[in-house]
Each structure stands twice: as C-alpha cells, then as structure tokens.
C-alpha cells in the first residue's frame, strides 16, 4: 500500500473562513442582555461556563452550529434568571442568532490560493460539521464550491465518520490529509482513522474543540497558515 497522498480534505469554519468571531460577538451580546437579570455575584466567566455547559449538553440534541447555540443561550438565560428572563430578552437572543446566519463570509488569508493549488494535483474534499443550510450558505458565498470534488457536511467528526468518508470515496486512509484548525475534530480522529492530520492554528477556538497535539505521531503535521500547505504536501510526496 502506497503512502503517497492522493486526497486533501479541508475543514471549513476557521480554516477557510472566519466563524468563531461571530460566536464571540454574539456571546458578548448575550452577557449584555442578561446583566440586569442575573445574580449580583455571577461574573462573566461563570456565565460563559454555564453557556458552554448548555452547548455541550445539547450537542446530542441540536448538533453543532448557530441554531443549537441560540437555543443554548435561551436555555441558559432561563436557568440563570430562575425563569424570570423577560420575553423581550428572549426575542433579542433569537434575533442575535438570526443575525449570525446572515453574516457575510470572509475568507482567511491564503485560503483560496491553497485550495486552488492542491485542486490542480489532488482530489479535494470539504469535510465540515454544523447546520446543513448554514454550511451550504457559507460555501456558496465563499466562491470556493467549484474547487471541491465532494462536500461532506456531517453531524460529528470522529474516526468512524472519517473512515466512512474514505471508504465511500474509495481512498486508502493513509493517502488522505485532513487540514483544519481543530485538534479535536480535524486532527486526532483522522489520525486514528489512519490518515494524516495537519493542524492550522486559528486565534479563536471554541473551548470544546481544544485537545492536546499528538506531537510525536508520524502522521501529525502543523503549519502556521495555509500558505505553507503546498510545501508540506510536496515534502511528503
């Protein structure tokens, strides 16, 4: 079995375009809306922790993305106010979530060049998780859609998900490189499935996605940004 790369897969959010910053903006708005209704001894860090707990708890119900985040904000608002949160605040939280679904797509530096370059020589996949309609919207607005041989929008990124994708596309796992900003979702499960995991750090990372880097693993790589991807791939050919 050859180790030569045949397929390059990209994550989408915060790998090809900005995403987490919109969650941070909305989370700040969430705190502002609740500041007059929460206990005086509840600080911003505690409120953030309660929201994160709700998001994590609800992943199995709502999945990843804006809709689940919005419902988790509402749930947290009801909880921390002892069910006294005004309907007006709930309405503004819903509007904040709706606004997140309309933010313009802003590509990260080197994203388009990187995808265009590898698409000339390799099969290129997009593997992203989140809400189907929102991910489709972002891909359409990005202008990158035609560069991908296939787009996979999944509910979770785990070794089984990646193994299934590799099998459907008829590619050996050790000939696939996944490129992304999440150690937990884009690197570790791909390596466990037999592929290459390339980490591209992003300044903002949702706490749920943090994990330790497998620095000693032979199929782990890290690049500072997507401008270094082509040279990395060449070094493995």
C-alpha atoms as a PDB file:
ATOM      1  CA  UNK A   1       0.000   0.000   0.000  1.00  0.00           C
ATOM      2  CA  UNK A   2       1.419   3.355  -1.030  1.00  0.00           C
ATOM      3  CA  UNK A   3       1.790   6.253   1.373  1.00  0.00           C
ATOM      4  CA  UNK A   4       1.620   8.806  -1.417  1.00  0.00           C
ATOM      5  CA  UNK A   5      -1.063  11.412  -0.836  1.00  0.00           C
ATOM      6  CA  UNK A   6      -3.987  11.322  -3.252  1.00  0.00           C
ATOM      7  CA  UNK A   7      -6.606  13.346  -1.402  1.00  0.00           C
ATOM      8  CA  UNK A   8      -6.539  16.612   0.542  1.00  0.00           C
ATOM      9  CA  UNK A   9      -9.515  17.377   2.764  1.00  0.00           C
ATOM     10  CA  UNK A  10     -10.235  20.783   4.281  1.00  0.00           C
ATOM     11  CA  UNK A  11     -12.261  21.839   7.274  1.00  0.00           C
ATOM     12  CA  UNK A  12     -14.376  24.933   6.603  1.00  0.00           C
ATOM     13  CA  UNK A  13     -15.094  27.136   9.641  1.00  0.00           C
ATOM     14  CA  UNK A  14     -11.995  28.994  10.869  1.00  0.00           C
ATOM     15  CA  UNK A  15      -9.843  27.060   8.417  1.00  0.00           C
ATOM     16  CA  UNK A  16     -11.083  28.567   5.159  1.00  0.00           C
ATOM     17  CA  UNK A  17     -13.240  31.401   6.501  1.00  0.00           C
ATOM     18  CA  UNK A  18     -13.903  33.229   9.753  1.00  0.00           C
ATOM     19  CA  UNK A  19     -16.592  31.797  12.002  1.00  0.00           C
ATOM     20  CA  UNK A  20     -15.776  31.726  15.722  1.00  0.00           C
ATOM     21  CA  UNK A  21     -15.530  35.513  15.946  1.00  0.00           C
ATOM     22  CA  UNK A  22     -19.269  35.773  15.205  1.00  0.00           C
ATOM     23  CA  UNK A  23     -19.993  33.448  18.127  1.00  0.00           C
ATOM     24  CA  UNK A  24     -17.791  35.604  20.378  1.00  0.00           C
ATOM     25  CA  UNK A  25     -19.610  38.784  19.310  1.00  0.00           C
ATOM     26  CA  UNK A  26     -22.984  37.181  19.981  1.00  0.00           C
ATOM     27  CA  UNK A  27     -21.841  35.742  23.304  1.00  0.00           C
ATOM     28  CA  UNK A  28     -20.825  39.234  24.399  1.00  0.00           C
ATOM     29  CA  UNK A  29     -24.282  40.477  23.408  1.00  0.00           C
ATOM     30  CA  UNK A  30     -25.788  37.614  25.412  1.00  0.00           C
ATOM     31  CA  UNK A  31     -23.931  38.771  28.532  1.00  0.00           C
ATOM     32  CA  UNK A  32     -25.022  42.370  27.994  1.00  0.00           C
ATOM     33  CA  UNK A  33     -28.679  41.392  27.656  1.00  0.00           C
ATOM     34  CA  UNK A  34     -28.585  39.393  30.878  1.00  0.00           C
ATOM     35  CA  UNK A  35     -26.546  41.728  33.067  1.00  0.00           C
ATOM     36  CA  UNK A  36     -29.634  43.265  34.704  1.00  0.00           C
ATOM     37  CA  UNK A  37     -31.278  39.903  35.390  1.00  0.00           C
ATOM     38  CA  UNK A  38     -28.516  37.689  36.784  1.00  0.00           C
ATOM     39  CA  UNK A  39     -27.446  37.436  40.453  1.00  0.00           C
ATOM     40  CA  UNK A  40     -25.024  40.148  41.511  1.00  0.00           C
ATOM     41  CA  UNK A  41     -22.369  37.572  42.385  1.00  0.00           C
ATOM     42  CA  UNK A  42     -22.416  35.949  38.956  1.00  0.00           C
ATOM     43  CA  UNK A  43     -19.445  37.097  36.914  1.00  0.00           C
ATOM     44  CA  UNK A  44     -18.879  36.920  33.181  1.00  0.00           C
ATOM     45  CA  UNK A  45     -16.691  33.814  33.474  1.00  0.00           C
ATOM     46  CA  UNK A  46     -19.372  31.895  35.337  1.00  0.00           C
ATOM     47  CA  UNK A  47     -21.999  32.903  32.786  1.00  0.00           C
ATOM     48  CA  UNK A  48     -19.712  31.802  29.956  1.00  0.00           C
ATOM     49  CA  UNK A  49     -19.162  28.460  31.706  1.00  0.00           C
ATOM     50  CA  UNK A  50     -22.890  27.873  32.114  1.00  0.00           C
ATOM     51  CA  UNK A  51     -23.449  28.624  28.436  1.00  0.00           C
ATOM     52  CA  UNK A  52     -20.648  26.262  27.438  1.00  0.00           C
ATOM     53  CA  UNK A  53     -22.149  23.573  29.654  1.00  0.00           C
ATOM     54  CA  UNK A  54     -25.506  24.038  27.946  1.00  0.00           C
ATOM     55  CA  UNK A  55     -23.935  23.899  24.474  1.00  0.00           C
ATOM     56  CA  UNK A  56     -22.037  20.722  25.332  1.00  0.00           C
ATOM     57  CA  UNK A  57     -25.104  19.141  26.897  1.00  0.00           C
ATOM     58  CA  UNK A  58     -27.194  19.965  23.851  1.00  0.00           C
ATOM     59  CA  UNK A  59     -24.835  18.739  21.140  1.00  0.00           C
ATOM     60  CA  UNK A  60     -26.613  15.411  21.023  1.00  0.00           C
ATOM     61  CA  UNK A  61     -29.963  17.165  20.597  1.00  0.00           C
ATOM     62  CA  UNK A  62     -29.214  20.069  18.286  1.00  0.00           C
ATOM     63  CA  UNK A  63     -25.786  19.320  16.846  1.00  0.00           C
ATOM     64  CA  UNK A  64     -23.218  22.000  16.032  1.00  0.00           C
ATOM     65  CA  UNK A  65     -23.919  25.447  14.677  1.00  0.00           C
ATOM     66  CA  UNK A  66     -25.859  28.650  15.180  1.00  0.00           C
ATOM     67  CA  UNK A  67     -29.258  27.120  15.868  1.00  0.00           C
ATOM     68  CA  UNK A  68     -28.005  24.962  18.711  1.00  0.00           C
ATOM     69  CA  UNK A  69     -26.023  27.893  20.085  1.00  0.00           C
ATOM     70  CA  UNK A  70     -29.112  30.124  20.045  1.00  0.00           C
ATOM     71  CA  UNK A  71     -31.236  27.538  21.837  1.00  0.00           C
ATOM     72  CA  UNK A  72     -28.472  27.084  24.402  1.00  0.00           C
ATOM     73  CA  UNK A  73     -28.371  30.842  25.034  1.00  0.00           C
ATOM     74  CA  UNK A  74     -32.125  30.824  25.639  1.00  0.00           C
ATOM     75  CA  UNK A  75     -31.894  27.808  27.941  1.00  0.00           C
ATOM     76  CA  UNK A  76     -29.077  29.414  29.921  1.00  0.00           C
ATOM     77  CA  UNK A  77     -30.953  32.711  30.178  1.00  0.00           C
ATOM     78  CA  UNK A  78     -33.962  30.916  31.647  1.00  0.00           C
ATOM     79  CA  UNK A  79     -31.758  28.985  34.069  1.00  0.00           C
ATOM     80  CA  UNK A  80     -29.668  31.859  35.442  1.00  0.00           C
ATOM     81  CA  UNK A  81     -32.674  34.149  35.914  1.00  0.00           C
ATOM     82  CA  UNK A  82     -34.709  31.479  37.689  1.00  0.00           C
ATOM     83  CA  UNK A  83     -37.211  31.571  34.819  1.00  0.00           C
ATOM     84  CA  UNK A  84     -37.681  35.316  35.164  1.00  0.00           C
ATOM     85  CA  UNK A  85     -35.987  36.426  31.949  1.00  0.00           C
ATOM     86  CA  UNK A  86     -38.278  38.853  30.066  1.00  0.00           C
ATOM     87  CA  UNK A  87     -39.747  37.844  26.723  1.00  0.00           C
ATOM     88  CA  UNK A  88     -38.048  40.907  25.216  1.00  0.00           C
ATOM     89  CA  UNK A  89     -34.632  39.446  26.066  1.00  0.00           C
ATOM     90  CA  UNK A  90     -35.563  36.079  24.561  1.00  0.00           C
ATOM     91  CA  UNK A  91     -36.679  37.898  21.430  1.00  0.00           C
ATOM     92  CA  UNK A  92     -33.336  39.727  21.203  1.00  0.00           C
ATOM     93  CA  UNK A  93     -31.425  36.473  21.649  1.00  0.00           C
ATOM     94  CA  UNK A  94     -33.362  34.940  18.788  1.00  0.00           C
ATOM     95  CA  UNK A  95     -32.617  37.998  16.642  1.00  0.00           C
ATOM     96  CA  UNK A  96     -28.925  37.747  17.534  1.00  0.00           C
ATOM     97  CA  UNK A  97     -28.924  34.152  16.350  1.00  0.00           C
ATOM     98  CA  UNK A  98     -30.700  35.093  13.149  1.00  0.00           C
ATOM     99  CA  UNK A  99     -28.115  37.788  12.511  1.00  0.00           C
ATOM    100  CA  UNK A 100     -25.342  35.181  12.798  1.00  0.00           C
ATOM    101  CA  UNK A 101     -26.970  33.310   9.919  1.00  0.00           C
ATOM    102  CA  UNK A 102     -26.632  36.355   7.691  1.00  0.00           C
ATOM    103  CA  UNK A 103     -23.031  37.457   8.318  1.00  0.00           C
ATOM    104  CA  UNK A 104     -21.006  37.794   5.121  1.00  0.00           C
ATOM    105  CA  UNK A 105     -18.310  35.207   4.520  1.00  0.00           C
ATOM    106  CA  UNK A 106     -14.760  36.474   4.969  1.00  0.00           C
ATOM    107  CA  UNK A 107     -12.070  34.116   3.678  1.00  0.00           C
ATOM    108  CA  UNK A 108      -8.967  33.598   5.780  1.00  0.00           C
ATOM    109  CA  UNK A 109      -5.579  34.582   4.296  1.00  0.00           C
ATOM    110  CA  UNK A 110      -4.253  32.159   1.661  1.00  0.00           C
ATOM    111  CA  UNK A 111      -7.435  30.032   1.753  1.00  0.00           C
ATOM    112  CA  UNK A 112      -8.390  30.413  -1.888  1.00  0.00           C
ATOM    113  CA  UNK A 113      -4.815  30.073  -3.140  1.00  0.00           C
ATOM    114  CA  UNK A 114      -4.286  26.930  -1.074  1.00  0.00           C
ATOM    115  CA  UNK A 115      -7.420  25.176  -2.293  1.00  0.00           C
ATOM    116  CA  UNK A 116      -6.804  26.187  -5.910  1.00  0.00           C
ATOM    117  CA  UNK A 117      -3.216  24.939  -5.773  1.00  0.00           C
ATOM    118  CA  UNK A 118      -3.962  21.497  -4.364  1.00  0.00           C
ATOM    119  CA  UNK A 119      -7.015  21.070  -6.609  1.00  0.00           C
ATOM    120  CA  UNK A 120      -4.703  21.036  -9.627  1.00  0.00           C
ATOM    121  CA  UNK A 121      -2.995  17.844  -8.472  1.00  0.00           C
ATOM    122  CA  UNK A 122      -5.180  16.100  -5.894  1.00  0.00           C
ATOM    123  CA  UNK A 123      -8.719  15.094  -5.160  1.00  0.00           C
ATOM    124  CA  UNK A 124     -10.035  17.814  -2.847  1.00  0.00           C
ATOM    125  CA  UNK A 125     -12.758  17.310  -0.260  1.00  0.00           C
ATOM    126  CA  UNK A 126     -14.513  19.676   2.122  1.00  0.00           C
ATOM    127  CA  UNK A 127     -15.432  17.985   5.399  1.00  0.00           C
ATOM    128  CA  UNK A 128     -17.320  20.218   7.792  1.00  0.00           C
ATOM    129  CA  UNK A 129     -19.791  19.802  10.616  1.00  0.00           C
ATOM    130  CA  UNK A 130     -22.712  22.001  11.543  1.00  0.00           C
ATOM    131  CA  UNK A 131     -26.141  23.005  10.346  1.00  0.00           C
ATOM    132  CA  UNK A 132     -26.746  21.852   6.766  1.00  0.00           C
ATOM    133  CA  UNK A 133     -28.415  25.018   5.470  1.00  0.00           C
ATOM    134  CA  UNK A 134     -25.925  27.367   7.110  1.00  0.00           C
ATOM    135  CA  UNK A 135     -22.898  25.418   5.892  1.00  0.00           C
ATOM    136  CA  UNK A 136     -24.328  25.330   2.368  1.00  0.00           C
ATOM    137  CA  UNK A 137     -24.911  29.096   2.546  1.00  0.00           C
ATOM    138  CA  UNK A 138     -21.364  29.783   3.648  1.00  0.00           C
ATOM    139  CA  UNK A 139     -19.868  27.531   0.998  1.00  0.00           C
ATOM    140  CA  UNK A 140     -21.935  29.193  -1.731  1.00  0.00           C
ATOM    141  CA  UNK A 141     -20.882  32.665  -0.587  1.00  0.00           C
ATOM    142  CA  UNK A 142     -17.222  31.676  -0.262  1.00  0.00           C
ATOM    143  CA  UNK A 143     -16.742  31.218  -4.003  1.00  0.00           C
ATOM    144  CA  UNK A 144     -14.773  28.029  -3.333  1.00  0.00           C
ATOM    145  CA  UNK A 145     -17.506  25.498  -4.003  1.00  0.00           C
ATOM    146  CA  UNK A 146     -16.472  24.575  -7.544  1.00  0.00           C
ATOM    147  CA  UNK A 147     -12.960  23.673  -6.372  1.00  0.00           C
ATOM    148  CA  UNK A 148     -14.085  20.670  -4.313  1.00  0.00           C
ATOM    149  CA  UNK A 149     -14.628  17.228  -5.772  1.00  0.00           C
ATOM    150  CA  UNK A 150     -17.031  16.485  -2.948  1.00  0.00           C
ATOM    151  CA  UNK A 151     -18.546  18.234   0.066  1.00  0.00           C
ATOM    152  CA  UNK A 152     -19.330  16.315   3.252  1.00  0.00           C
ATOM    153  CA  UNK A 153     -21.455  18.087   5.878  1.00  0.00           C
ATOM    154  CA  UNK A 154     -21.521  15.798   8.908  1.00  0.00           C
ATOM    155  CA  UNK A 155     -23.067  15.856  12.371  1.00  0.00           C
ATOM    156  CA  UNK A 156     -19.847  14.814  14.112  1.00  0.00           C
ATOM    157  CA  UNK A 157     -16.187  14.329  13.231  1.00  0.00           C
ATOM    158  CA  UNK A 158     -14.945  11.113  14.745  1.00  0.00           C
ATOM    159  CA  UNK A 159     -12.831   8.215  13.436  1.00  0.00           C
ATOM    160  CA  UNK A 160     -15.925   6.367  12.232  1.00  0.00           C
ATOM    161  CA  UNK A 161     -17.122   9.386  10.255  1.00  0.00           C
ATOM    162  CA  UNK A 162     -13.776   9.797   8.528  1.00  0.00           C
ATOM    163  CA  UNK A 163     -13.435   6.071   7.847  1.00  0.00           C
ATOM    164  CA  UNK A 164     -16.862   6.088   6.205  1.00  0.00           C
ATOM    165  CA  UNK A 165     -15.952   9.059   4.008  1.00  0.00           C
ATOM    166  CA  UNK A 166     -12.669   7.452   2.932  1.00  0.00           C
ATOM    167  CA  UNK A 167     -14.490   4.221   2.086  1.00  0.00           C
ATOM    168  CA  UNK A 168     -17.217   5.981   0.065  1.00  0.00           C
ATOM    169  CA  UNK A 169     -14.586   7.791  -1.974  1.00  0.00           C
ATOM    170  CA  UNK A 170     -12.510   4.669  -2.446  1.00  0.00           C
ATOM    171  CA  UNK A 171      -9.330   6.118  -0.959  1.00  0.00           C
ATOM    172  CA  UNK A 172      -6.899   4.443   1.402  1.00  0.00           C
ATOM    173  CA  UNK A 173      -6.794   6.333   4.722  1.00  0.00           C
ATOM    174  CA  UNK A 174      -3.016   6.730   4.654  1.00  0.00           C
ATOM    175  CA  UNK A 175      -3.270   8.620   1.353  1.00  0.00           C
ATOM    176  CA  UNK A 176      -5.576  11.306   2.803  1.00  0.00           C
ATOM    177  CA  UNK A 177      -4.540  14.500   4.571  1.00  0.00           C
ATOM    178  CA  UNK A 178      -7.108  16.470   6.590  1.00  0.00           C
ATOM    179  CA  UNK A 179      -6.320  20.164   7.107  1.00  0.00           C
ATOM    180  CA  UNK A 180      -8.065  22.092   9.862  1.00  0.00           C
ATOM    181  CA  UNK A 181      -7.949  24.337  12.898  1.00  0.00           C
ATOM    182  CA  UNK A 182      -9.454  21.931  15.433  1.00  0.00           C
ATOM    183  CA  UNK A 183      -7.162  19.437  17.104  1.00  0.00           C
ATOM    184  CA  UNK A 184     -10.172  17.576  18.468  1.00  0.00           C
ATOM    185  CA  UNK A 185     -12.154  17.350  15.225  1.00  0.00           C
ATOM    186  CA  UNK A 186      -9.726  17.762  12.311  1.00  0.00           C
ATOM    187  CA  UNK A 187      -6.554  16.084  13.534  1.00  0.00           C
ATOM    188  CA  UNK A 188      -6.950  13.414  16.206  1.00  0.00           C
ATOM    189  CA  UNK A 189      -9.853  11.425  14.695  1.00  0.00           C
ATOM    190  CA  UNK A 190      -8.294  11.472  11.213  1.00  0.00           C
ATOM    191  CA  UNK A 191      -5.039  10.090  12.561  1.00  0.00           C
ATOM    192  CA  UNK A 192      -6.964   7.413  14.450  1.00  0.00           C
ATOM    193  CA  UNK A 193      -8.744   6.536  11.198  1.00  0.00           C
ATOM    194  CA  UNK A 194      -5.364   6.072   9.517  1.00  0.00           C
ATOM    195  CA  UNK A 195      -4.964   9.409   7.734  1.00  0.00           C
ATOM    196  CA  UNK A 196      -2.728  12.443   8.070  1.00  0.00           C
ATOM    197  CA  UNK A 197      -3.805  15.298  10.334  1.00  0.00           C
ATOM    198  CA  UNK A 198      -2.488  18.792   9.631  1.00  0.00           C
ATOM    199  CA  UNK A 199      -3.196  21.471  12.222  1.00  0.00           C
ATOM    200  CA  UNK A 200      -3.554  25.101  11.134  1.00  0.00           C
ATOM    201  CA  UNK A 201      -3.917  27.262  14.270  1.00  0.00           C
ATOM    202  CA  UNK A 202      -6.590  29.930  14.441  1.00  0.00           C
ATOM    203  CA  UNK A 203      -6.560  32.699  17.008  1.00  0.00           C
ATOM    204  CA  UNK A 204     -10.080  31.911  18.230  1.00  0.00           C
ATOM    205  CA  UNK A 205     -11.047  28.344  19.082  1.00  0.00           C
ATOM    206  CA  UNK A 206     -14.221  27.192  20.813  1.00  0.00           C
ATOM    207  CA  UNK A 207     -13.204  25.632  24.133  1.00  0.00           C
ATOM    208  CA  UNK A 208     -14.979  22.392  23.252  1.00  0.00           C
ATOM    209  CA  UNK A 209     -12.529  21.877  20.358  1.00  0.00           C
ATOM    210  CA  UNK A 210      -9.320  22.050  22.418  1.00  0.00           C
ATOM    211  CA  UNK A 211      -7.169  18.917  22.720  1.00  0.00           C
ATOM    212  CA  UNK A 212      -3.519  18.029  23.159  1.00  0.00           C
ATOM    213  CA  UNK A 213      -1.441  17.807  19.986  1.00  0.00           C
ATOM    214  CA  UNK A 214      -0.081  14.344  19.128  1.00  0.00           C
ATOM    215  CA  UNK A 215       3.355  15.854  18.575  1.00  0.00           C
ATOM    216  CA  UNK A 216       5.194  12.542  18.340  1.00  0.00           C
ATOM    217  CA  UNK A 217       2.827  10.881  15.904  1.00  0.00           C
ATOM    218  CA  UNK A 218       4.380  10.284  12.456  1.00  0.00           C
ATOM    219  CA  UNK A 219       1.228  11.400  10.630  1.00  0.00           C
ATOM    220  CA  UNK A 220       0.794  14.680  12.516  1.00  0.00           C
ATOM    221  CA  UNK A 221       1.887  17.965  10.981  1.00  0.00           C
ATOM    222  CA  UNK A 222       1.407  21.645  11.823  1.00  0.00           C
ATOM    223  CA  UNK A 223       1.716  24.732   9.641  1.00  0.00           C
ATOM    224  CA  UNK A 224       1.438  28.364  10.686  1.00  0.00           C
ATOM    225  CA  UNK A 225      -1.111  29.165   7.980  1.00  0.00           C
ATOM    226  CA  UNK A 226      -2.350  27.828   4.663  1.00  0.00           C
ATOM    227  CA  UNK A 227       0.499  29.451   2.737  1.00  0.00           C
ATOM    228  CA  UNK A 228       2.668  26.564   3.922  1.00  0.00           C
ATOM    229  CA  UNK A 229       0.376  23.771   2.793  1.00  0.00           C
ATOM    230  CA  UNK A 230       1.746  23.194  -0.689  1.00  0.00           C
ATOM    231  CA  UNK A 231       5.329  22.848   0.530  1.00  0.00           C
ATOM    232  CA  UNK A 232       4.199  20.470   3.255  1.00  0.00           C
ATOM    233  CA  UNK A 233       2.415  18.262   0.754  1.00  0.00           C
ATOM    234  CA  UNK A 234       5.432  18.261  -1.549  1.00  0.00           C
ATOM    235  CA  UNK A 235       7.666  17.184   1.324  1.00  0.00           C
ATOM    236  CA  UNK A 236       5.523  14.097   1.805  1.00  0.00           C
ATOM    237  CA  UNK A 237       5.357  13.126  -1.867  1.00  0.00           C
END
